[in-house]
Every structure is written in C-alpha cells, then in structure tokens.
Amino acid sequence: MERFNDNFDNFTTEMLDLAYQEFLKTDINFKEIQCYLDNNRERYLQLLNVYNDEDLQFITNYIDKLVLQSSCSNKPLYSTGYKHCIRLLKELSIL
C-alpha cells in the first residue's frame, strides 16, 4: 500500500503540474495580473531603489514568502481533492 501511495503522490504531482501549465495558458485572471505586473515593473523597481540593501532584502524575502505560501497551500488542496474524487468513484463502484 505504501508503494501505491508513493506512486499516487507522484502521479498527482505530475497532474498538478500539467493542470498548472494549462491554467497559465487559459486563465484570464492570470493574464490580467501578468499584464499589470509587466506594465508596472519599472515603477516597482524605482520604488524599491529608495530602500537600503537590508530593507530591500527584507521586502524581497517577504514577497517571495507570500508567493511560496500561496503555491504551497494550493498543492495539498489539489491533491486532497483528487484523492477524494477517486474515493468517491470507488464508492460508486466506477473504479
């Protein structure tokens, strides 16, 4: 059973990566956010120039952690949903 769980976790990780790539291609909200970020990148960098190196490093690390937190929270939710779907299909005797 442990081998199955390992294989299933690998499978769900690969499925998540594929789903994320598809999301990047099609999601209008993502595209709008990307457009905003692209259009405001220079202003953002100009504003960062007013901080000393220590403050700039803190700001950069903080933003990186925010992005990582969002990414980390999405993966287990997707995996759990996938597992629940399979359990439901088994209960319905479809699998």
C-alpha atoms as a PDB file:
ATOM      1  CA  MET A   1       0.000   0.000   0.000  1.00  0.00           C
ATOM      2  CA  GLU A   2       2.909   2.345   0.761  1.00  0.00           C
ATOM      3  CA  ARG A   3       4.224   1.911  -2.796  1.00  0.00           C
ATOM      4  CA  PHE A   4       0.775   2.762  -4.143  1.00  0.00           C
ATOM      5  CA  ASN A   5       0.670   5.920  -2.037  1.00  0.00           C
ATOM      6  CA  ASP A   6       4.112   6.977  -3.270  1.00  0.00           C
ATOM      7  CA  ASN A   7       3.154   6.310  -6.890  1.00  0.00           C
ATOM      8  CA  PHE A   8      -0.151   8.092  -6.442  1.00  0.00           C
ATOM      9  CA  ASP A   9       1.557  11.122  -4.884  1.00  0.00           C
ATOM     10  CA  ASN A  10       3.939  11.262  -7.848  1.00  0.00           C
ATOM     11  CA  PHE A  11       1.020  10.927 -10.246  1.00  0.00           C
ATOM     12  CA  THR A  12      -0.942  13.709  -8.575  1.00  0.00           C
ATOM     13  CA  THR A  13       2.113  15.956  -8.563  1.00  0.00           C
ATOM     14  CA  GLU A  14       2.542  15.446 -12.297  1.00  0.00           C
ATOM     15  CA  MET A  15      -1.164  16.067 -12.869  1.00  0.00           C
ATOM     16  CA  LEU A  16      -0.943  19.243 -10.813  1.00  0.00           C
ATOM     17  CA  ASP A  17       1.982  20.467 -12.893  1.00  0.00           C
ATOM     18  CA  LEU A  18       0.075  19.764 -16.113  1.00  0.00           C
ATOM     19  CA  ALA A  19      -3.046  21.479 -14.790  1.00  0.00           C
ATOM     20  CA  TYR A  20      -0.995  24.489 -13.728  1.00  0.00           C
ATOM     21  CA  GLN A  21       0.596  24.782 -17.161  1.00  0.00           C
ATOM     22  CA  GLU A  22      -2.855  24.668 -18.770  1.00  0.00           C
ATOM     23  CA  PHE A  23      -4.076  27.254 -16.269  1.00  0.00           C
ATOM     24  CA  LEU A  24      -1.267  29.606 -17.253  1.00  0.00           C
ATOM     25  CA  LYS A  25      -2.307  29.373 -20.889  1.00  0.00           C
ATOM     26  CA  THR A  26      -6.003  29.976 -20.431  1.00  0.00           C
ATOM     27  CA  ASP A  27      -6.871  31.791 -17.222  1.00  0.00           C
ATOM     28  CA  ILE A  28      -7.969  35.364 -17.948  1.00  0.00           C
ATOM     29  CA  ASN A  29      -7.379  36.498 -14.375  1.00  0.00           C
ATOM     30  CA  PHE A  30      -3.796  35.309 -14.542  1.00  0.00           C
ATOM     31  CA  LYS A  31      -3.301  37.127 -17.819  1.00  0.00           C
ATOM     32  CA  GLU A  32      -4.728  40.350 -16.381  1.00  0.00           C
ATOM     33  CA  ILE A  33      -2.456  40.128 -13.355  1.00  0.00           C
ATOM     34  CA  GLN A  34       0.528  39.376 -15.572  1.00  0.00           C
ATOM     35  CA  CYS A  35      -0.295  42.410 -17.703  1.00  0.00           C
ATOM     36  CA  TYR A  36      -0.497  44.609 -14.586  1.00  0.00           C
ATOM     37  CA  LEU A  37       2.835  43.288 -13.312  1.00  0.00           C
ATOM     38  CA  ASP A  38       4.502  43.796 -16.683  1.00  0.00           C
ATOM     39  CA  ASN A  39       3.146  47.328 -17.042  1.00  0.00           C
ATOM     40  CA  ASN A  40       4.193  48.347 -13.531  1.00  0.00           C
ATOM     41  CA  ARG A  41       7.539  46.586 -13.243  1.00  0.00           C
ATOM     42  CA  GLU A  42       9.633  49.732 -13.830  1.00  0.00           C
ATOM     43  CA  ARG A  43       7.707  51.749 -11.252  1.00  0.00           C
ATOM     44  CA  TYR A  44       8.033  48.926  -8.754  1.00  0.00           C
ATOM     45  CA  LEU A  45      11.795  48.759  -9.305  1.00  0.00           C
ATOM     46  CA  GLN A  46      12.075  52.551  -8.995  1.00  0.00           C
ATOM     47  CA  LEU A  47      10.234  52.494  -5.690  1.00  0.00           C
ATOM     48  CA  LEU A  48      12.497  49.747  -4.390  1.00  0.00           C
ATOM     49  CA  ASN A  49      15.557  51.895  -5.104  1.00  0.00           C
ATOM     50  CA  VAL A  50      14.700  54.201  -2.193  1.00  0.00           C
ATOM     51  CA  TYR A  51      15.414  51.437   0.340  1.00  0.00           C
ATOM     52  CA  ASN A  52      18.785  50.450   1.711  1.00  0.00           C
ATOM     53  CA  ASP A  53      20.113  46.978   0.921  1.00  0.00           C
ATOM     54  CA  GLU A  54      18.925  45.461   4.202  1.00  0.00           C
ATOM     55  CA  ASP A  55      15.357  46.747   3.787  1.00  0.00           C
ATOM     56  CA  LEU A  56      15.320  45.753   0.136  1.00  0.00           C
ATOM     57  CA  GLN A  57      16.390  42.216   1.026  1.00  0.00           C
ATOM     58  CA  PHE A  58      13.633  42.028   3.647  1.00  0.00           C
ATOM     59  CA  ILE A  59      10.988  43.245   1.179  1.00  0.00           C
ATOM     60  CA  THR A  60      12.165  40.773  -1.451  1.00  0.00           C
ATOM     61  CA  ASN A  61      12.181  37.876   1.019  1.00  0.00           C
ATOM     62  CA  TYR A  62       8.741  38.820   2.328  1.00  0.00           C
ATOM     63  CA  ILE A  63       7.209  38.896  -1.154  1.00  0.00           C
ATOM     64  CA  ASP A  64       8.895  35.597  -2.028  1.00  0.00           C
ATOM     65  CA  LYS A  65       7.425  34.002   1.106  1.00  0.00           C
ATOM     66  CA  LEU A  66       3.935  35.299   0.229  1.00  0.00           C
ATOM     67  CA  VAL A  67       4.139  33.751  -3.212  1.00  0.00           C
ATOM     68  CA  LEU A  68       5.546  30.494  -1.830  1.00  0.00           C
ATOM     69  CA  GLN A  69       2.785  30.333   0.795  1.00  0.00           C
ATOM     70  CA  SER A  70       0.135  30.584  -1.881  1.00  0.00           C
ATOM     71  CA  SER A  71       1.803  27.934  -4.002  1.00  0.00           C
ATOM     72  CA  CYS A  72       2.318  25.566  -1.080  1.00  0.00           C
ATOM     73  CA  SER A  73      -1.293  25.838   0.061  1.00  0.00           C
ATOM     74  CA  ASN A  74      -2.683  25.057  -3.395  1.00  0.00           C
ATOM     75  CA  LYS A  75      -0.797  21.802  -3.980  1.00  0.00           C
ATOM     76  CA  PRO A  76      -2.159  19.859  -0.972  1.00  0.00           C
ATOM     77  CA  LEU A  77      -5.684  21.105  -1.675  1.00  0.00           C
ATOM     78  CA  TYR A  78      -5.490  19.855  -5.239  1.00  0.00           C
ATOM     79  CA  SER A  79      -4.022  16.517  -4.159  1.00  0.00           C
ATOM     80  CA  THR A  80      -6.656  16.051  -1.461  1.00  0.00           C
ATOM     81  CA  GLY A  81      -9.441  16.844  -3.903  1.00  0.00           C
ATOM     82  CA  TYR A  82      -8.027  14.345  -6.353  1.00  0.00           C
ATOM     83  CA  LYS A  83      -7.858  11.635  -3.672  1.00  0.00           C
ATOM     84  CA  HIS A  84     -11.429  12.380  -2.586  1.00  0.00           C
ATOM     85  CA  CYS A  85     -12.590  12.119  -6.186  1.00  0.00           C
ATOM     86  CA  ILE A  86     -11.010   8.684  -6.539  1.00  0.00           C
ATOM     87  CA  ARG A  87     -12.506   7.565  -3.230  1.00  0.00           C
ATOM     88  CA  LEU A  88     -15.938   8.724  -4.456  1.00  0.00           C
ATOM     89  CA  LEU A  89     -15.522   6.859  -7.746  1.00  0.00           C
ATOM     90  CA  LYS A  90     -14.610   3.723  -5.787  1.00  0.00           C
ATOM     91  CA  GLU A  91     -17.648   4.128  -3.532  1.00  0.00           C
ATOM     92  CA  LEU A  92     -19.811   4.423  -6.630  1.00  0.00           C
ATOM     93  CA  SER A  93     -18.156   1.271  -7.977  1.00  0.00           C
ATOM     94  CA  ILE A  94     -16.928   3.126 -11.020  1.00  0.00           C
ATOM     95  CA  LEU A  95     -13.319   2.250 -10.192  1.00  0.00           C
END
